[in-house]
Amino acid sequence: MATGYIYKLEKFKKSDFAYLDGKVLVLIPENDMFEKSDSQKLVDIFTNPVVKETYGGHLGMLMRANLYIKEIEKFLSENF
């Protein structure tokens, strides 16, 4: 799994992403194909991310993007 691989890279440090403090939105599908622990690793990479569980799975996020666009636009307008 890519997230697990990235998480374990020796050259990678959480502090590398400190400049993104509070400026990352992590959308995790409720029917994710990945383990919850993998999703948590993705969340743990960032400092103070906003984490939202979304409807469906990964494919649903692509096929029904209109369900998430408003949430993303709201996040962007509040944080940038």
PDB file of N, CA and C in Angstrom:
ATOM      1  N   MET A   1       0.835  -1.170   0.000  1.00  0.00           N
ATOM      2  CA  MET A   1       0.000   0.000   0.000  1.00  0.00           C
ATOM      3  C   MET A   1       0.887   1.244   0.000  1.00  0.00           C
ATOM      4  N   ALA A   2       0.540   2.157  -0.877  1.00  0.00           N
ATOM      5  CA  ALA A   2       1.354   3.357  -1.066  1.00  0.00           C
ATOM      6  C   ALA A   2       1.458   4.194   0.200  1.00  0.00           C
ATOM      7  N   THR A   3       0.362   4.345   0.915  1.00  0.00           N
ATOM      8  CA  THR A   3       0.387   5.158   2.131  1.00  0.00           C
ATOM      9  C   THR A   3       1.358   4.571   3.147  1.00  0.00           C
ATOM     10  N   GLY A   4       1.314   3.264   3.335  1.00  0.00           N
ATOM     11  CA  GLY A   4       2.233   2.609   4.263  1.00  0.00           C
ATOM     12  C   GLY A   4       3.674   2.766   3.833  1.00  0.00           C
ATOM     13  N   TYR A   5       3.912   2.690   2.547  1.00  0.00           N
ATOM     14  CA  TYR A   5       5.267   2.843   2.018  1.00  0.00           C
ATOM     15  C   TYR A   5       5.776   4.261   2.274  1.00  0.00           C
ATOM     16  N   ILE A   6       4.957   5.247   1.945  1.00  0.00           N
ATOM     17  CA  ILE A   6       5.356   6.645   2.149  1.00  0.00           C
ATOM     18  C   ILE A   6       5.594   6.917   3.628  1.00  0.00           C
ATOM     19  N   TYR A   7       4.725   6.381   4.464  1.00  0.00           N
ATOM     20  CA  TYR A   7       4.810   6.600   5.905  1.00  0.00           C
ATOM     21  C   TYR A   7       6.132   6.090   6.481  1.00  0.00           C
ATOM     22  N   LYS A   8       6.681   5.026   5.877  1.00  0.00           N
ATOM     23  CA  LYS A   8       7.886   4.397   6.404  1.00  0.00           C
ATOM     24  C   LYS A   8       9.189   4.892   5.768  1.00  0.00           C
ATOM     25  N   LEU A   9       9.132   5.762   4.792  1.00  0.00           N
ATOM     26  CA  LEU A   9      10.339   6.239   4.136  1.00  0.00           C
ATOM     27  C   LEU A   9      11.274   6.908   5.140  1.00  0.00           C
ATOM     28  N   GLU A  10      12.540   6.561   5.073  1.00  0.00           N
ATOM     29  CA  GLU A  10      13.500   7.110   6.021  1.00  0.00           C
ATOM     30  C   GLU A  10      13.696   8.614   5.833  1.00  0.00           C
ATOM     31  N   LYS A  11      13.629   9.083   4.608  1.00  0.00           N
ATOM     32  CA  LYS A  11      13.854  10.499   4.345  1.00  0.00           C
ATOM     33  C   LYS A  11      12.626  11.338   4.639  1.00  0.00           C
ATOM     34  N   PHE A  12      11.534  10.688   4.878  1.00  0.00           N
ATOM     35  CA  PHE A  12      10.282  11.375   5.121  1.00  0.00           C
ATOM     36  C   PHE A  12      10.097  11.638   6.606  1.00  0.00           C
ATOM     37  N   LYS A  13       9.752  12.886   6.931  1.00  0.00           N
ATOM     38  CA  LYS A  13       9.453  13.245   8.312  1.00  0.00           C
ATOM     39  C   LYS A  13       8.157  14.038   8.334  1.00  0.00           C
ATOM     40  N   LYS A  14       7.401  13.861   9.366  1.00  0.00           N
ATOM     41  CA  LYS A  14       6.151  14.609   9.501  1.00  0.00           C
ATOM     42  C   LYS A  14       6.421  16.107   9.433  1.00  0.00           C
ATOM     43  N   SER A  15       7.544  16.522   9.959  1.00  0.00           N
ATOM     44  CA  SER A  15       7.880  17.953   9.959  1.00  0.00           C
ATOM     45  C   SER A  15       8.037  18.509   8.547  1.00  0.00           C
ATOM     46  N   ASP A  16       8.275  17.640   7.569  1.00  0.00           N
ATOM     47  CA  ASP A  16       8.370  18.087   6.174  1.00  0.00           C
ATOM     48  C   ASP A  16       7.070  18.729   5.705  1.00  0.00           C
ATOM     49  N   PHE A  17       5.975  18.364   6.344  1.00  0.00           N
ATOM     50  CA  PHE A  17       4.674  18.890   5.948  1.00  0.00           C
ATOM     51  C   PHE A  17       4.127  19.913   6.947  1.00  0.00           C
ATOM     52  N   ALA A  18       4.966  20.384   7.844  1.00  0.00           N
ATOM     53  CA  ALA A  18       4.508  21.321   8.879  1.00  0.00           C
ATOM     54  C   ALA A  18       3.923  22.592   8.286  1.00  0.00           C
ATOM     55  N   TYR A  19       4.411  23.000   7.136  1.00  0.00           N
ATOM     56  CA  TYR A  19       3.903  24.224   6.503  1.00  0.00           C
ATOM     57  C   TYR A  19       2.444  24.081   6.061  1.00  0.00           C
ATOM     58  N   LEU A  20       1.936  22.860   6.038  1.00  0.00           N
ATOM     59  CA  LEU A  20       0.551  22.605   5.676  1.00  0.00           C
ATOM     60  C   LEU A  20      -0.363  22.482   6.901  1.00  0.00           C
ATOM     61  N   ASP A  21       0.131  22.896   8.041  1.00  0.00           N
ATOM     62  CA  ASP A  21      -0.617  22.791   9.290  1.00  0.00           C
ATOM     63  C   ASP A  21      -2.031  23.339   9.137  1.00  0.00           C
ATOM     64  N   GLY A  22      -3.027  22.455   9.294  1.00  0.00           N
ATOM     65  CA  GLY A  22      -4.421  22.848   9.215  1.00  0.00           C
ATOM     66  C   GLY A  22      -4.935  23.136   7.816  1.00  0.00           C
ATOM     67  N   LYS A  23      -4.132  22.893   6.805  1.00  0.00           N
ATOM     68  CA  LYS A  23      -4.521  23.224   5.431  1.00  0.00           C
ATOM     69  C   LYS A  23      -4.688  21.989   4.548  1.00  0.00           C
ATOM     70  N   VAL A  24      -4.952  20.848   5.158  1.00  0.00           N
ATOM     71  CA  VAL A  24      -5.140  19.609   4.403  1.00  0.00           C
ATOM     72  C   VAL A  24      -6.508  19.029   4.740  1.00  0.00           C
ATOM     73  N   LEU A  25      -7.254  18.707   3.706  1.00  0.00           N
ATOM     74  CA  LEU A  25      -8.534  18.034   3.850  1.00  0.00           C
ATOM     75  C   LEU A  25      -8.343  16.588   3.415  1.00  0.00           C
ATOM     76  N   VAL A  26      -8.604  15.663   4.308  1.00  0.00           N
ATOM     77  CA  VAL A  26      -8.499  14.235   4.001  1.00  0.00           C
ATOM     78  C   VAL A  26      -9.912  13.677   3.927  1.00  0.00           C
ATOM     79  N   LEU A  27     -10.290  13.206   2.748  1.00  0.00           N
ATOM     80  CA  LEU A  27     -11.593  12.588   2.555  1.00  0.00           C
ATOM     81  C   LEU A  27     -11.408  11.079   2.556  1.00  0.00           C
ATOM     82  N   ILE A  28     -12.062  10.410   3.497  1.00  0.00           N
ATOM     83  CA  ILE A  28     -11.939   8.961   3.623  1.00  0.00           C
ATOM     84  C   ILE A  28     -13.301   8.334   3.329  1.00  0.00           C
ATOM     85  N   PRO A  29     -13.376   7.519   2.286  1.00  0.00           N
ATOM     86  CA  PRO A  29     -14.651   6.886   1.955  1.00  0.00           C
ATOM     87  C   PRO A  29     -15.105   5.932   3.055  1.00  0.00           C
ATOM     88  N   GLU A  30     -16.408   5.913   3.308  1.00  0.00           N
ATOM     89  CA  GLU A  30     -16.938   5.024   4.349  1.00  0.00           C
ATOM     90  C   GLU A  30     -16.733   3.561   3.991  1.00  0.00           C
ATOM     91  N   ASN A  31     -16.744   3.229   2.719  1.00  0.00           N
ATOM     92  CA  ASN A  31     -16.510   1.861   2.259  1.00  0.00           C
ATOM     93  C   ASN A  31     -15.152   1.780   1.571  1.00  0.00           C
ATOM     94  N   ASP A  32     -14.139   2.195   2.288  1.00  0.00           N
ATOM     95  CA  ASP A  32     -12.791   2.269   1.739  1.00  0.00           C
ATOM     96  C   ASP A  32     -12.244   0.881   1.441  1.00  0.00           C
ATOM     97  N   MET A  33     -11.464   0.791   0.369  1.00  0.00           N
ATOM     98  CA  MET A  33     -10.836  -0.480   0.022  1.00  0.00           C
ATOM     99  C   MET A  33      -9.590  -0.717   0.873  1.00  0.00           C
ATOM    100  N   PHE A  34      -9.141   0.314   1.585  1.00  0.00           N
ATOM    101  CA  PHE A  34      -7.985   0.192   2.456  1.00  0.00           C
ATOM    102  C   PHE A  34      -8.434  -0.047   3.892  1.00  0.00           C
ATOM    103  N   GLU A  35      -7.538  -0.596   4.682  1.00  0.00           N
ATOM    104  CA  GLU A  35      -7.804  -0.812   6.101  1.00  0.00           C
ATOM    105  C   GLU A  35      -7.914   0.549   6.807  1.00  0.00           C
ATOM    106  N   LYS A  36      -8.680   0.589   7.880  1.00  0.00           N
ATOM    107  CA  LYS A  36      -8.801   1.829   8.663  1.00  0.00           C
ATOM    108  C   LYS A  36      -7.436   2.292   9.169  1.00  0.00           C
ATOM    109  N   SER A  37      -6.564   1.335   9.483  1.00  0.00           N
ATOM    110  CA  SER A  37      -5.229   1.707   9.967  1.00  0.00           C
ATOM    111  C   SER A  37      -4.431   2.419   8.876  1.00  0.00           C
ATOM    112  N   ASP A  38      -4.649   2.042   7.610  1.00  0.00           N
ATOM    113  CA  ASP A  38      -3.976   2.735   6.514  1.00  0.00           C
ATOM    114  C   ASP A  38      -4.512   4.149   6.358  1.00  0.00           C
ATOM    115  N   SER A  39      -5.810   4.305   6.495  1.00  0.00           N
ATOM    116  CA  SER A  39      -6.403   5.640   6.437  1.00  0.00           C
ATOM    117  C   SER A  39      -5.852   6.504   7.569  1.00  0.00           C
ATOM    118  N   GLN A  40      -5.689   5.917   8.732  1.00  0.00           N
ATOM    119  CA  GLN A  40      -5.155   6.659   9.869  1.00  0.00           C
ATOM    120  C   GLN A  40      -3.713   7.081   9.610  1.00  0.00           C
ATOM    121  N   LYS A  41      -2.939   6.247   8.938  1.00  0.00           N
ATOM    122  CA  LYS A  41      -1.560   6.617   8.590  1.00  0.00           C
ATOM    123  C   LYS A  41      -1.558   7.849   7.692  1.00  0.00           C
ATOM    124  N   LEU A  42      -2.490   7.901   6.765  1.00  0.00           N
ATOM    125  CA  LEU A  42      -2.590   9.069   5.896  1.00  0.00           C
ATOM    126  C   LEU A  42      -2.917  10.310   6.715  1.00  0.00           C
ATOM    127  N   VAL A  43      -3.839  10.196   7.635  1.00  0.00           N
ATOM    128  CA  VAL A  43      -4.197  11.311   8.508  1.00  0.00           C
ATOM    129  C   VAL A  43      -2.991  11.738   9.346  1.00  0.00           C
ATOM    130  N   ASP A  44      -2.249  10.765   9.860  1.00  0.00           N
ATOM    131  CA  ASP A  44      -1.121  11.050  10.756  1.00  0.00           C
ATOM    132  C   ASP A  44       0.067  11.711  10.060  1.00  0.00           C
ATOM    133  N   ILE A  45       0.115  11.648   8.747  1.00  0.00           N
ATOM    134  CA  ILE A  45       1.211  12.285   8.012  1.00  0.00           C
ATOM    135  C   ILE A  45       1.162  13.801   8.183  1.00  0.00           C
ATOM    136  N   PHE A  46      -0.029  14.342   8.292  1.00  0.00           N
ATOM    137  CA  PHE A  46      -0.219  15.788   8.318  1.00  0.00           C
ATOM    138  C   PHE A  46      -0.459  16.315   9.727  1.00  0.00           C
ATOM    139  N   THR A  47      -0.184  17.606   9.907  1.00  0.00           N
ATOM    140  CA  THR A  47      -0.416  18.275  11.176  1.00  0.00           C
ATOM    141  C   THR A  47      -1.786  18.947  11.123  1.00  0.00           C
ATOM    142  N   ASN A  48      -2.658  18.545  12.006  1.00  0.00           N
ATOM    143  CA  ASN A  48      -3.999  19.117  12.123  1.00  0.00           C
ATOM    144  C   ASN A  48      -4.816  19.084  10.829  1.00  0.00           C
ATOM    145  N   PRO A  49      -4.901  17.928  10.178  1.00  0.00           N
ATOM    146  CA  PRO A  49      -5.740  17.877   8.977  1.00  0.00           C
ATOM    147  C   PRO A  49      -7.220  17.886   9.356  1.00  0.00           C
ATOM    148  N   VAL A  50      -8.044  18.320   8.439  1.00  0.00           N
ATOM    149  CA  VAL A  50      -9.484  18.192   8.591  1.00  0.00           C
ATOM    150  C   VAL A  50      -9.831  16.856   7.944  1.00  0.00           C
ATOM    151  N   VAL A  51     -10.459  15.979   8.702  1.00  0.00           N
ATOM    152  CA  VAL A  51     -10.768  14.635   8.221  1.00  0.00           C
ATOM    153  C   VAL A  51     -12.278  14.480   8.128  1.00  0.00           C
ATOM    154  N   LYS A  52     -12.728  14.073   6.954  1.00  0.00           N
ATOM    155  CA  LYS A  52     -14.156  13.862   6.730  1.00  0.00           C
ATOM    156  C   LYS A  52     -14.359  12.468   6.156  1.00  0.00           C
ATOM    157  N   GLU A  53     -15.345  11.777   6.692  1.00  0.00           N
ATOM    158  CA  GLU A  53     -15.735  10.505   6.090  1.00  0.00           C
ATOM    159  C   GLU A  53     -16.757  10.829   5.007  1.00  0.00           C
ATOM    160  N   THR A  54     -16.595  10.197   3.864  1.00  0.00           N
ATOM    161  CA  THR A  54     -17.462  10.478   2.731  1.00  0.00           C
ATOM    162  C   THR A  54     -18.285   9.254   2.360  1.00  0.00           C
ATOM    163  N   TYR A  55     -19.327   9.508   1.643  1.00  0.00           N
ATOM    164  CA  TYR A  55     -20.239   8.466   1.195  1.00  0.00           C
ATOM    165  C   TYR A  55     -19.556   7.565   0.165  1.00  0.00           C
ATOM    166  N   GLY A  56     -19.829   6.275   0.248  1.00  0.00           N
ATOM    167  CA  GLY A  56     -19.372   5.340  -0.779  1.00  0.00           C
ATOM    168  C   GLY A  56     -17.928   4.910  -0.612  1.00  0.00           C
ATOM    169  N   GLY A  57     -17.319   4.587  -1.751  1.00  0.00           N
ATOM    170  CA  GLY A  57     -15.929   4.133  -1.784  1.00  0.00           C
ATOM    171  C   GLY A  57     -15.112   5.013  -2.713  1.00  0.00           C
ATOM    172  N   HIS A  58     -13.881   4.575  -3.018  1.00  0.00           N
ATOM    173  CA  HIS A  58     -13.004   5.377  -3.869  1.00  0.00           C
ATOM    174  C   HIS A  58     -13.625   5.647  -5.243  1.00  0.00           C
ATOM    175  N   LEU A  59     -14.189   4.648  -5.864  1.00  0.00           N
ATOM    176  CA  LEU A  59     -14.788   4.839  -7.177  1.00  0.00           C
ATOM    177  C   LEU A  59     -15.971   5.798  -7.100  1.00  0.00           C
ATOM    178  N   GLY A  60     -16.754   5.687  -6.046  1.00  0.00           N
ATOM    179  CA  GLY A  60     -17.886   6.586  -5.851  1.00  0.00           C
ATOM    180  C   GLY A  60     -17.453   8.034  -5.762  1.00  0.00           C
ATOM    181  N   MET A  61     -16.277   8.274  -5.166  1.00  0.00           N
ATOM    182  CA  MET A  61     -15.769   9.640  -5.060  1.00  0.00           C
ATOM    183  C   MET A  61     -15.482  10.212  -6.445  1.00  0.00           C
ATOM    184  N   LEU A  62     -15.059   9.371  -7.351  1.00  0.00           N
ATOM    185  CA  LEU A  62     -14.783   9.833  -8.712  1.00  0.00           C
ATOM    186  C   LEU A  62     -16.062   9.965  -9.533  1.00  0.00           C
ATOM    187  N   MET A  63     -16.942   9.000  -9.383  1.00  0.00           N
ATOM    188  CA  MET A  63     -18.152   8.973 -10.194  1.00  0.00           C
ATOM    189  C   MET A  63     -19.202   9.985  -9.728  1.00  0.00           C
ATOM    190  N   ARG A  64     -19.175  10.328  -8.456  1.00  0.00           N
ATOM    191  CA  ARG A  64     -20.175  11.253  -7.907  1.00  0.00           C
ATOM    192  C   ARG A  64     -19.482  12.427  -7.219  1.00  0.00           C
ATOM    193  N   ALA A  65     -18.530  13.000  -7.922  1.00  0.00           N
ATOM    194  CA  ALA A  65     -17.733  14.095  -7.359  1.00  0.00           C
ATOM    195  C   ALA A  65     -18.586  15.269  -6.906  1.00  0.00           C
ATOM    196  N   ASN A  66     -19.743  15.452  -7.540  1.00  0.00           N
ATOM    197  CA  ASN A  66     -20.618  16.562  -7.161  1.00  0.00           C
ATOM    198  C   ASN A  66     -21.020  16.514  -5.688  1.00  0.00           C
ATOM    199  N   LEU A  67     -20.992  15.316  -5.086  1.00  0.00           N
ATOM    200  CA  LEU A  67     -21.324  15.195  -3.669  1.00  0.00           C
ATOM    201  C   LEU A  67     -20.235  15.783  -2.764  1.00  0.00           C
ATOM    202  N   TYR A  68     -19.032  15.920  -3.293  1.00  0.00           N
ATOM    203  CA  TYR A  68     -17.898  16.361  -2.481  1.00  0.00           C
ATOM    204  C   TYR A  68     -17.408  17.755  -2.834  1.00  0.00           C
ATOM    205  N   ILE A  69     -17.789  18.247  -4.012  1.00  0.00           N
ATOM    206  CA  ILE A  69     -17.297  19.542  -4.472  1.00  0.00           C
ATOM    207  C   ILE A  69     -17.636  20.656  -3.481  1.00  0.00           C
ATOM    208  N   LYS A  70     -18.841  20.689  -2.984  1.00  0.00           N
ATOM    209  CA  LYS A  70     -19.228  21.748  -2.034  1.00  0.00           C
ATOM    210  C   LYS A  70     -18.400  21.679  -0.763  1.00  0.00           C
ATOM    211  N   GLU A  71     -18.158  20.464  -0.277  1.00  0.00           N
ATOM    212  CA  GLU A  71     -17.339  20.296   0.932  1.00  0.00           C
ATOM    213  C   GLU A  71     -15.913  20.783   0.684  1.00  0.00           C
ATOM    214  N   ILE A  72     -15.372  20.469  -0.479  1.00  0.00           N
ATOM    215  CA  ILE A  72     -14.018  20.908  -0.831  1.00  0.00           C
ATOM    216  C   ILE A  72     -13.973  22.415  -1.002  1.00  0.00           C
ATOM    217  N   GLU A  73     -14.945  22.980  -1.690  1.00  0.00           N
ATOM    218  CA  GLU A  73     -14.991  24.433  -1.878  1.00  0.00           C
ATOM    219  C   GLU A  73     -15.098  25.159  -0.532  1.00  0.00           C
ATOM    220  N   LYS A  74     -15.903  24.633   0.371  1.00  0.00           N
ATOM    221  CA  LYS A  74     -16.051  25.227   1.696  1.00  0.00           C
ATOM    222  C   LYS A  74     -14.716  25.195   2.440  1.00  0.00           C
ATOM    223  N   PHE A  75     -14.046  24.059   2.401  1.00  0.00           N
ATOM    224  CA  PHE A  75     -12.748  23.926   3.059  1.00  0.00           C
ATOM    225  C   PHE A  75     -11.754  24.932   2.483  1.00  0.00           C
ATOM    226  N   LEU A  76     -11.694  25.019   1.168  1.00  0.00           N
ATOM    227  CA  LEU A  76     -10.745  25.936   0.531  1.00  0.00           C
ATOM    228  C   LEU A  76     -11.044  27.390   0.876  1.00  0.00           C
ATOM    229  N   SER A  77     -12.309  27.773   0.858  1.00  0.00           N
ATOM    230  CA  SER A  77     -12.658  29.161   1.150  1.00  0.00           C
ATOM    231  C   SER A  77     -12.359  29.518   2.611  1.00  0.00           C
ATOM    232  N   GLU A  78     -12.451  28.564   3.505  1.00  0.00           N
ATOM    233  CA  GLU A  78     -12.188  28.814   4.927  1.00  0.00           C
ATOM    234  C   GLU A  78     -10.710  28.783   5.272  1.00  0.00           C
ATOM    235  N   ASN A  79      -9.893  28.157   4.428  1.00  0.00           N
ATOM    236  CA  ASN A  79      -8.491  27.952   4.782  1.00  0.00           C
ATOM    237  C   ASN A  79      -7.482  28.641   3.867  1.00  0.00           C
ATOM    238  N   PHE A  80      -7.957  29.213   2.771  1.00  0.00           N
ATOM    239  CA  PHE A  80      -7.006  29.852   1.847  1.00  0.00           C
ATOM    240  C   PHE A  80      -7.504  31.205   1.399  1.00  0.00           C
TER     241      PHE A  80
END
